[in-house]
Amino acid sequence: MRTILLLICSNVFMTIAWYGHLKQQHVPMWKAILVSWGIAFFEYCLMVPANRWGFTNGFNGFQLKMTQEVITLVVFTAFALLYLNEPFHWRYLVSFALLLGAVYFMFKK
């Protein structure tokens, strides 16, 4: 559970670092890059322990990556809807369902 919680928190920082500047077009690119790097530092401070603890406690590398990708999509979806005010289409749900199927097979014994 600690791994999942850290992955969620790190993905919040990652999403803000990567996409938070999109609505700030007036900010010069070099400033957006520096601010994004500063935010990404905190993402790494959470992601590295999440992956290490997850790997130590039974996840393999593929499982960690697939879990991180699904968490990224969930966090980004909330961000896109709430911050970027983007519409949500049915095809996104289909895509997410296919990814969840991938997660199922990734963890299947």
N, C-alpha and C. Protein backbone atom coordinates (compact mmCIF):
# COMPACT_ATOMS: atom_id res chain seq x y z
N MET A 1 0.83 -1.20 0.00
CA MET A 1 0.00 0.00 0.00
C MET A 1 0.87 1.26 0.00
N ARG A 2 1.99 1.20 0.72
CA ARG A 2 2.90 2.34 0.76
C ARG A 2 3.41 2.67 -0.65
N THR A 3 3.71 1.63 -1.42
CA THR A 3 4.19 1.84 -2.79
C THR A 3 3.14 2.56 -3.63
N ILE A 4 1.90 2.12 -3.54
CA ILE A 4 0.81 2.72 -4.32
C ILE A 4 0.60 4.17 -3.91
N LEU A 5 0.59 4.43 -2.62
CA LEU A 5 0.40 5.81 -2.13
C LEU A 5 1.52 6.73 -2.61
N LEU A 6 2.76 6.25 -2.54
CA LEU A 6 3.88 7.06 -3.03
C LEU A 6 3.81 7.27 -4.54
N LEU A 7 3.38 6.24 -5.27
CA LEU A 7 3.23 6.39 -6.72
C LEU A 7 2.16 7.43 -7.05
N ILE A 8 1.07 7.43 -6.31
CA ILE A 8 0.02 8.42 -6.55
C ILE A 8 0.56 9.82 -6.28
N CYS A 9 1.21 10.00 -5.15
CA CYS A 9 1.74 11.33 -4.80
C CYS A 9 2.79 11.78 -5.81
N SER A 10 3.67 10.88 -6.21
CA SER A 10 4.70 11.27 -7.18
C SER A 10 4.08 11.65 -8.52
N ASN A 11 3.01 10.96 -8.90
CA ASN A 11 2.35 11.28 -10.17
C ASN A 11 1.61 12.61 -10.13
N VAL A 12 1.15 13.01 -8.97
CA VAL A 12 0.56 14.35 -8.86
C VAL A 12 1.63 15.39 -9.17
N PHE A 13 2.80 15.25 -8.56
CA PHE A 13 3.89 16.18 -8.85
C PHE A 13 4.31 16.11 -10.32
N MET A 14 4.42 14.90 -10.87
CA MET A 14 4.83 14.75 -12.26
C MET A 14 3.85 15.42 -13.21
N THR A 15 2.57 15.22 -12.97
CA THR A 15 1.55 15.80 -13.85
C THR A 15 1.60 17.32 -13.79
N ILE A 16 1.76 17.87 -12.61
CA ILE A 16 1.87 19.33 -12.49
C ILE A 16 3.13 19.82 -13.19
N ALA A 17 4.25 19.11 -13.01
CA ALA A 17 5.51 19.52 -13.64
C ALA A 17 5.41 19.47 -15.17
N TRP A 18 4.81 18.42 -15.69
CA TRP A 18 4.77 18.24 -17.14
C TRP A 18 3.70 19.05 -17.83
N TYR A 19 2.56 19.25 -17.16
CA TYR A 19 1.42 19.85 -17.85
C TYR A 19 0.89 21.13 -17.21
N GLY A 20 1.36 21.46 -16.03
CA GLY A 20 0.84 22.63 -15.32
C GLY A 20 1.09 23.94 -16.04
N HIS A 21 2.11 23.99 -16.84
CA HIS A 21 2.46 25.23 -17.55
C HIS A 21 1.63 25.46 -18.81
N LEU A 22 0.83 24.50 -19.22
CA LEU A 22 0.10 24.62 -20.49
C LEU A 22 -0.86 25.81 -20.51
N LYS A 23 -1.42 26.14 -19.36
CA LYS A 23 -2.33 27.29 -19.30
C LYS A 23 -1.59 28.58 -18.95
N GLN A 24 -0.28 28.51 -18.85
CA GLN A 24 0.53 29.67 -18.50
C GLN A 24 1.39 30.08 -19.70
N GLN A 25 0.76 30.30 -20.82
CA GLN A 25 1.49 30.60 -22.05
C GLN A 25 2.30 31.90 -21.98
N HIS A 26 1.96 32.78 -21.05
CA HIS A 26 2.68 34.05 -20.92
C HIS A 26 4.03 33.89 -20.23
N VAL A 27 4.25 32.76 -19.57
CA VAL A 27 5.52 32.50 -18.90
C VAL A 27 6.55 32.07 -19.93
N PRO A 28 7.73 32.68 -19.94
CA PRO A 28 8.76 32.27 -20.90
C PRO A 28 9.11 30.78 -20.74
N MET A 29 9.47 30.15 -21.84
CA MET A 29 9.76 28.72 -21.85
C MET A 29 10.85 28.36 -20.84
N TRP A 30 11.90 29.14 -20.75
CA TRP A 30 12.99 28.81 -19.84
C TRP A 30 12.52 28.80 -18.38
N LYS A 31 11.61 29.69 -18.04
CA LYS A 31 11.06 29.71 -16.68
C LYS A 31 10.17 28.49 -16.44
N ALA A 32 9.38 28.15 -17.44
CA ALA A 32 8.52 26.96 -17.32
C ALA A 32 9.37 25.71 -17.12
N ILE A 33 10.49 25.64 -17.83
CA ILE A 33 11.38 24.49 -17.69
C ILE A 33 11.98 24.43 -16.29
N LEU A 34 12.48 25.55 -15.80
CA LEU A 34 13.09 25.58 -14.47
C LEU A 34 12.07 25.24 -13.37
N VAL A 35 10.88 25.80 -13.47
CA VAL A 35 9.84 25.50 -12.48
C VAL A 35 9.46 24.02 -12.57
N SER A 36 9.33 23.50 -13.78
CA SER A 36 8.98 22.10 -13.95
C SER A 36 10.05 21.19 -13.35
N TRP A 37 11.31 21.52 -13.56
CA TRP A 37 12.40 20.73 -12.97
C TRP A 37 12.33 20.78 -11.45
N GLY A 38 12.03 21.95 -10.91
CA GLY A 38 11.91 22.07 -9.45
C GLY A 38 10.80 21.20 -8.90
N ILE A 39 9.68 21.18 -9.60
CA ILE A 39 8.56 20.34 -9.17
C ILE A 39 8.89 18.86 -9.34
N ALA A 40 9.57 18.54 -10.45
CA ALA A 40 9.92 17.14 -10.73
C ALA A 40 10.88 16.58 -9.69
N PHE A 41 11.66 17.44 -9.05
CA PHE A 41 12.55 16.97 -7.98
C PHE A 41 11.75 16.23 -6.91
N PHE A 42 10.61 16.80 -6.53
CA PHE A 42 9.78 16.18 -5.50
C PHE A 42 9.14 14.89 -6.01
N GLU A 43 8.84 14.87 -7.30
CA GLU A 43 8.33 13.63 -7.90
C GLU A 43 9.36 12.51 -7.75
N TYR A 44 10.61 12.81 -8.05
CA TYR A 44 11.66 11.81 -7.93
C TYR A 44 11.87 11.39 -6.48
N CYS A 45 11.74 12.33 -5.56
CA CYS A 45 11.90 12.00 -4.13
C CYS A 45 10.84 11.02 -3.64
N LEU A 46 9.74 10.93 -4.34
CA LEU A 46 8.68 9.98 -4.00
C LEU A 46 8.72 8.73 -4.89
N MET A 47 9.05 8.90 -6.16
CA MET A 47 9.04 7.79 -7.11
C MET A 47 10.15 6.78 -6.82
N VAL A 48 11.34 7.26 -6.50
CA VAL A 48 12.45 6.34 -6.26
C VAL A 48 12.17 5.42 -5.07
N PRO A 49 11.75 5.96 -3.92
CA PRO A 49 11.42 5.04 -2.82
C PRO A 49 10.22 4.14 -3.13
N ALA A 50 9.25 4.66 -3.85
CA ALA A 50 8.08 3.83 -4.21
C ALA A 50 8.53 2.61 -5.01
N ASN A 51 9.38 2.82 -5.99
CA ASN A 51 9.85 1.72 -6.82
C ASN A 51 10.76 0.77 -6.03
N ARG A 52 11.62 1.31 -5.20
CA ARG A 52 12.52 0.45 -4.43
C ARG A 52 11.73 -0.40 -3.44
N TRP A 53 10.80 0.22 -2.70
CA TRP A 53 10.01 -0.54 -1.73
C TRP A 53 9.10 -1.53 -2.43
N GLY A 54 8.53 -1.11 -3.54
CA GLY A 54 7.67 -2.03 -4.28
C GLY A 54 8.44 -3.25 -4.78
N PHE A 55 9.63 -3.01 -5.31
CA PHE A 55 10.47 -4.10 -5.83
C PHE A 55 10.91 -5.03 -4.70
N THR A 56 11.25 -4.45 -3.56
CA THR A 56 11.67 -5.23 -2.40
C THR A 56 10.53 -6.05 -1.82
N ASN A 57 9.31 -5.57 -2.00
CA ASN A 57 8.15 -6.22 -1.38
C ASN A 57 7.27 -6.99 -2.37
N GLY A 58 7.85 -7.48 -3.44
CA GLY A 58 7.11 -8.43 -4.27
C GLY A 58 6.71 -7.99 -5.66
N PHE A 59 6.77 -6.70 -5.99
CA PHE A 59 6.49 -6.27 -7.36
C PHE A 59 7.73 -6.57 -8.20
N ASN A 60 7.52 -6.95 -9.45
CA ASN A 60 8.67 -6.98 -10.36
C ASN A 60 8.67 -5.68 -11.15
N GLY A 61 9.69 -5.46 -11.93
CA GLY A 61 9.83 -4.21 -12.68
C GLY A 61 8.67 -3.94 -13.61
N PHE A 62 8.20 -4.97 -14.31
CA PHE A 62 7.08 -4.80 -15.23
C PHE A 62 5.81 -4.40 -14.47
N GLN A 63 5.58 -5.03 -13.34
CA GLN A 63 4.40 -4.72 -12.54
C GLN A 63 4.46 -3.29 -12.00
N LEU A 64 5.63 -2.86 -11.56
CA LEU A 64 5.77 -1.49 -11.09
C LEU A 64 5.47 -0.49 -12.20
N LYS A 65 6.00 -0.75 -13.38
CA LYS A 65 5.80 0.18 -14.49
C LYS A 65 4.34 0.23 -14.92
N MET A 66 3.70 -0.91 -15.02
CA MET A 66 2.29 -0.94 -15.43
C MET A 66 1.42 -0.25 -14.39
N THR A 67 1.70 -0.49 -13.12
CA THR A 67 0.94 0.16 -12.05
C THR A 67 1.13 1.67 -12.13
N GLN A 68 2.35 2.11 -12.34
CA GLN A 68 2.64 3.54 -12.43
C GLN A 68 1.91 4.17 -13.62
N GLU A 69 1.83 3.46 -14.73
CA GLU A 69 1.16 4.01 -15.91
C GLU A 69 -0.34 4.18 -15.68
N VAL A 70 -0.95 3.22 -15.03
CA VAL A 70 -2.38 3.33 -14.75
C VAL A 70 -2.65 4.48 -13.77
N ILE A 71 -1.82 4.58 -12.74
CA ILE A 71 -1.95 5.70 -11.80
C ILE A 71 -1.76 7.02 -12.52
N THR A 72 -0.79 7.09 -13.42
CA THR A 72 -0.56 8.30 -14.19
C THR A 72 -1.80 8.70 -14.98
N LEU A 73 -2.46 7.74 -15.61
CA LEU A 73 -3.65 8.05 -16.39
C LEU A 73 -4.79 8.55 -15.52
N VAL A 74 -4.96 7.95 -14.35
CA VAL A 74 -6.02 8.39 -13.44
C VAL A 74 -5.75 9.81 -12.96
N VAL A 75 -4.51 10.07 -12.54
CA VAL A 75 -4.14 11.40 -12.06
C VAL A 75 -4.28 12.41 -13.20
N PHE A 76 -3.78 12.05 -14.39
CA PHE A 76 -3.86 12.99 -15.51
C PHE A 76 -5.31 13.26 -15.90
N THR A 77 -6.16 12.25 -15.86
CA THR A 77 -7.57 12.45 -16.19
C THR A 77 -8.19 13.49 -15.28
N ALA A 78 -7.96 13.36 -13.99
CA ALA A 78 -8.49 14.35 -13.04
C ALA A 78 -7.92 15.73 -13.35
N PHE A 79 -6.63 15.80 -13.64
CA PHE A 79 -5.98 17.07 -13.95
C PHE A 79 -6.56 17.69 -15.22
N ALA A 80 -6.71 16.89 -16.26
CA ALA A 80 -7.22 17.39 -17.54
C ALA A 80 -8.65 17.90 -17.41
N LEU A 81 -9.46 17.18 -16.64
CA LEU A 81 -10.84 17.59 -16.46
C LEU A 81 -10.97 18.84 -15.58
N LEU A 82 -10.24 18.84 -14.47
CA LEU A 82 -10.40 19.91 -13.48
C LEU A 82 -9.57 21.16 -13.77
N TYR A 83 -8.34 20.97 -14.26
CA TYR A 83 -7.47 22.13 -14.47
C TYR A 83 -7.47 22.61 -15.92
N LEU A 84 -7.34 21.67 -16.84
CA LEU A 84 -7.30 22.06 -18.26
C LEU A 84 -8.69 22.22 -18.86
N ASN A 85 -9.72 21.79 -18.13
CA ASN A 85 -11.11 21.88 -18.59
C ASN A 85 -11.33 21.20 -19.94
N GLU A 86 -10.70 20.05 -20.10
CA GLU A 86 -10.86 19.31 -21.34
C GLU A 86 -12.05 18.36 -21.23
N PRO A 87 -12.74 18.12 -22.34
CA PRO A 87 -13.88 17.20 -22.31
C PRO A 87 -13.40 15.75 -22.22
N PHE A 88 -14.26 14.91 -21.70
CA PHE A 88 -13.95 13.48 -21.59
C PHE A 88 -14.79 12.73 -22.61
N HIS A 89 -14.14 11.92 -23.44
CA HIS A 89 -14.82 11.19 -24.50
C HIS A 89 -14.93 9.71 -24.15
N TRP A 90 -15.92 9.05 -24.71
CA TRP A 90 -16.14 7.62 -24.46
C TRP A 90 -14.93 6.79 -24.87
N ARG A 91 -14.22 7.20 -25.89
CA ARG A 91 -13.07 6.41 -26.35
C ARG A 91 -11.96 6.37 -25.31
N TYR A 92 -11.90 7.38 -24.43
CA TYR A 92 -10.92 7.35 -23.34
C TYR A 92 -11.26 6.22 -22.37
N LEU A 93 -12.55 6.03 -22.10
CA LEU A 93 -12.97 4.93 -21.23
C LEU A 93 -12.60 3.58 -21.82
N VAL A 94 -12.79 3.43 -23.11
CA VAL A 94 -12.42 2.17 -23.78
C VAL A 94 -10.91 1.96 -23.66
N SER A 95 -10.15 3.00 -23.89
CA SER A 95 -8.69 2.90 -23.78
C SER A 95 -8.28 2.52 -22.37
N PHE A 96 -8.89 3.14 -21.37
CA PHE A 96 -8.58 2.82 -19.97
C PHE A 96 -8.95 1.38 -19.64
N ALA A 97 -10.07 0.92 -20.16
CA ALA A 97 -10.48 -0.47 -19.91
C ALA A 97 -9.46 -1.45 -20.49
N LEU A 98 -8.94 -1.14 -21.67
CA LEU A 98 -7.92 -2.00 -22.27
C LEU A 98 -6.64 -1.99 -21.43
N LEU A 99 -6.28 -0.83 -20.89
CA LEU A 99 -5.11 -0.77 -20.02
C LEU A 99 -5.32 -1.55 -18.72
N LEU A 100 -6.52 -1.47 -18.18
CA LEU A 100 -6.82 -2.25 -16.98
C LEU A 100 -6.74 -3.75 -17.28
N GLY A 101 -7.14 -4.13 -18.47
CA GLY A 101 -6.97 -5.51 -18.89
C GLY A 101 -5.49 -5.89 -18.93
N ALA A 102 -4.66 -4.99 -19.39
CA ALA A 102 -3.22 -5.23 -19.39
C ALA A 102 -2.69 -5.41 -17.98
N VAL A 103 -3.18 -4.59 -17.05
CA VAL A 103 -2.77 -4.72 -15.65
C VAL A 103 -3.20 -6.08 -15.11
N TYR A 104 -4.41 -6.49 -15.40
CA TYR A 104 -4.90 -7.78 -14.95
C TYR A 104 -3.95 -8.90 -15.38
N PHE A 105 -3.60 -8.91 -16.67
CA PHE A 105 -2.72 -9.97 -17.18
C PHE A 105 -1.29 -9.84 -16.65
N MET A 106 -0.87 -8.62 -16.33
CA MET A 106 0.47 -8.40 -15.79
C MET A 106 0.59 -9.06 -14.42
N PHE A 107 -0.48 -9.00 -13.61
CA PHE A 107 -0.43 -9.54 -12.26
C PHE A 107 -0.94 -10.97 -12.14
N LYS A 108 -1.51 -11.50 -13.23
CA LYS A 108 -2.05 -12.86 -13.22
C LYS A 108 -0.91 -13.86 -13.03
N LYS A 109 -1.11 -14.78 -12.12
CA LYS A 109 -0.08 -15.82 -11.84
C LYS A 109 -0.12 -16.91 -12.87
